[in-house]
Structures are given as C-alpha cells and as structure tokens.
Protein backbone atom coordinates (compact mmCIF):
# COMPACT_ATOMS: atom_id res chain seq x y z
CA UNK A 1 -15.80 11.12 6.87
CA UNK A 2 -17.52 8.04 5.48
CA UNK A 3 -16.49 7.08 1.94
CA UNK A 4 -18.78 4.96 -0.23
CA UNK A 5 -16.67 3.20 -2.83
CA UNK A 6 -18.10 3.11 -6.31
CA UNK A 7 -17.90 -0.31 -7.96
CA UNK A 8 -15.09 0.60 -10.33
CA UNK A 9 -13.05 2.22 -7.55
CA UNK A 10 -13.45 -0.91 -5.45
CA UNK A 11 -12.26 -3.10 -8.31
CA UNK A 12 -9.36 -0.77 -9.09
CA UNK A 13 -8.14 -0.83 -5.47
CA UNK A 14 -7.47 -4.54 -5.88
CA UNK A 15 -6.92 -5.15 -9.56
CA UNK A 16 -5.52 -1.89 -11.00
CA UNK A 17 -4.41 0.42 -8.18
CA UNK A 18 -2.34 2.44 -10.65
CA UNK A 19 -5.63 3.78 -12.06
CA UNK A 20 -6.45 5.53 -8.77
CA UNK A 21 -5.41 9.13 -8.42
CA UNK A 22 -3.17 10.28 -5.55
CA UNK A 23 -6.04 12.00 -3.71
CA UNK A 24 -8.21 8.89 -3.90
CA UNK A 25 -5.36 6.72 -2.60
CA UNK A 26 -4.82 9.13 0.32
CA UNK A 27 -8.52 9.11 1.19
CA UNK A 28 -8.75 5.32 1.11
CA UNK A 29 -5.93 4.85 3.61
CA UNK A 30 -6.59 7.91 5.77
CA UNK A 31 -7.47 7.08 9.35
CA UNK A 32 -10.01 9.90 9.43
CA UNK A 33 -12.07 8.11 6.80
CA UNK A 34 -14.30 5.07 7.01
CA UNK A 35 -14.54 3.02 3.81
CA UNK A 36 -17.91 1.54 2.94
CA UNK A 37 -19.15 -0.75 0.19
CA UNK A 38 -22.74 -1.35 -0.83
CA UNK A 39 -23.90 -4.90 -1.63
CA UNK A 40 -25.14 -3.53 -4.96
CA UNK A 41 -21.48 -3.23 -5.96
CA UNK A 42 -21.08 -6.92 -5.18
CA UNK A 43 -24.03 -7.64 -7.47
CA UNK A 44 -22.45 -5.54 -10.21
CA UNK A 45 -19.07 -7.27 -9.88
CA UNK A 46 -20.74 -10.69 -9.80
CA UNK A 47 -22.55 -9.86 -13.03
CA UNK A 48 -19.38 -8.57 -14.70
CA UNK A 49 -17.50 -11.74 -13.72
CA UNK A 50 -20.36 -13.99 -14.87
CA UNK A 51 -20.56 -12.19 -18.23
CA UNK A 52 -16.79 -12.42 -18.68
CA UNK A 53 -16.41 -8.63 -18.76
CA UNK A 54 -13.81 -8.67 -15.98
CA UNK A 55 -11.47 -11.26 -14.53
CA UNK A 56 -10.45 -11.10 -10.91
CA UNK A 57 -7.14 -12.27 -9.49
CA UNK A 58 -8.91 -14.88 -7.34
CA UNK A 59 -12.36 -16.46 -6.98
CA UNK A 60 -15.09 -13.90 -6.28
CA UNK A 61 -15.90 -15.05 -2.74
CA UNK A 62 -12.26 -14.80 -1.71
CA UNK A 63 -11.84 -11.50 -3.58
CA UNK A 64 -14.75 -9.90 -1.69
CA UNK A 65 -13.51 -11.07 1.72
CA UNK A 66 -9.89 -10.10 1.10
CA UNK A 67 -10.63 -6.72 -0.42
CA UNK A 68 -13.05 -5.78 2.36
CA UNK A 69 -10.41 -6.68 4.93
CA UNK A 70 -7.60 -4.83 3.12
CA UNK A 71 -9.75 -1.70 2.83
CA UNK A 72 -11.07 -2.02 6.39
CA UNK A 73 -14.43 -1.48 4.70
CA UNK A 74 -17.84 -1.79 6.24
CA UNK A 75 -20.91 -3.04 4.40
CA UNK A 76 -23.63 -0.46 3.90
CA UNK A 77 -27.02 -1.73 4.97
CA UNK A 78 -29.16 -2.29 1.93
CA UNK A 79 -32.60 -0.72 2.09
CA UNK A 80 -35.22 -0.13 -0.56
CA UNK A 81 -34.14 3.50 -0.68
CA UNK A 82 -30.50 2.57 -1.24
CA UNK A 83 -31.49 0.11 -3.97
CA UNK A 84 -33.54 2.77 -5.76
CA UNK A 85 -30.77 5.35 -5.51
CA UNK A 86 -28.13 2.92 -6.79
CA UNK A 87 -29.34 3.28 -10.35
CA UNK A 88 -30.52 6.85 -10.05
CA UNK A 89 -27.00 8.24 -9.66
CA UNK A 90 -25.69 10.39 -12.51
C-alpha cells in the first residue's frame, strides 16, 4: 500500500514523533507500505518556517533530505491535477 504523508504527519515524524498514534507509527515502518511525500508539503513547510510558525531541528534543506531518507519516502510527481487536489482536500 502506498501512503501519502500529510504535511503535519511528515513534520511530526521528525520533530514530535510522540504525537503519532501507534497505528500510524506501524504503517510508516511497515515493509508492506511505501511512504510518499508530495512537493506541496515541502512548499507548506517552507512557508511555515519562513513565517516563523514552526522551527525545525536543522536547516530546511538538510531536514528534507534526512527525513526523506529516514522514512524511505518517495517523491510524488507533481502534476496540475495533484496541485489542484492539494487544496481541495477536506
């Protein structure tokens, strides 16, 4: 199963893992699952950092690279359809 990490879940995996529930933690490390992150989440995190709404434990560029590696996450290809849907989610 392919899992698409929401922005806050992605941040929590690195900055506040205690906020993740046990099921979510199991899914993120399960070998039967493929973690994915959309570049729109990177845009959202970049904006939050720039606005001072969140502080990361390391510079953003390093944080992205390290977290993607730790999660064995793939980047979702960004298409116009994905971009439209990103802000149409409930």
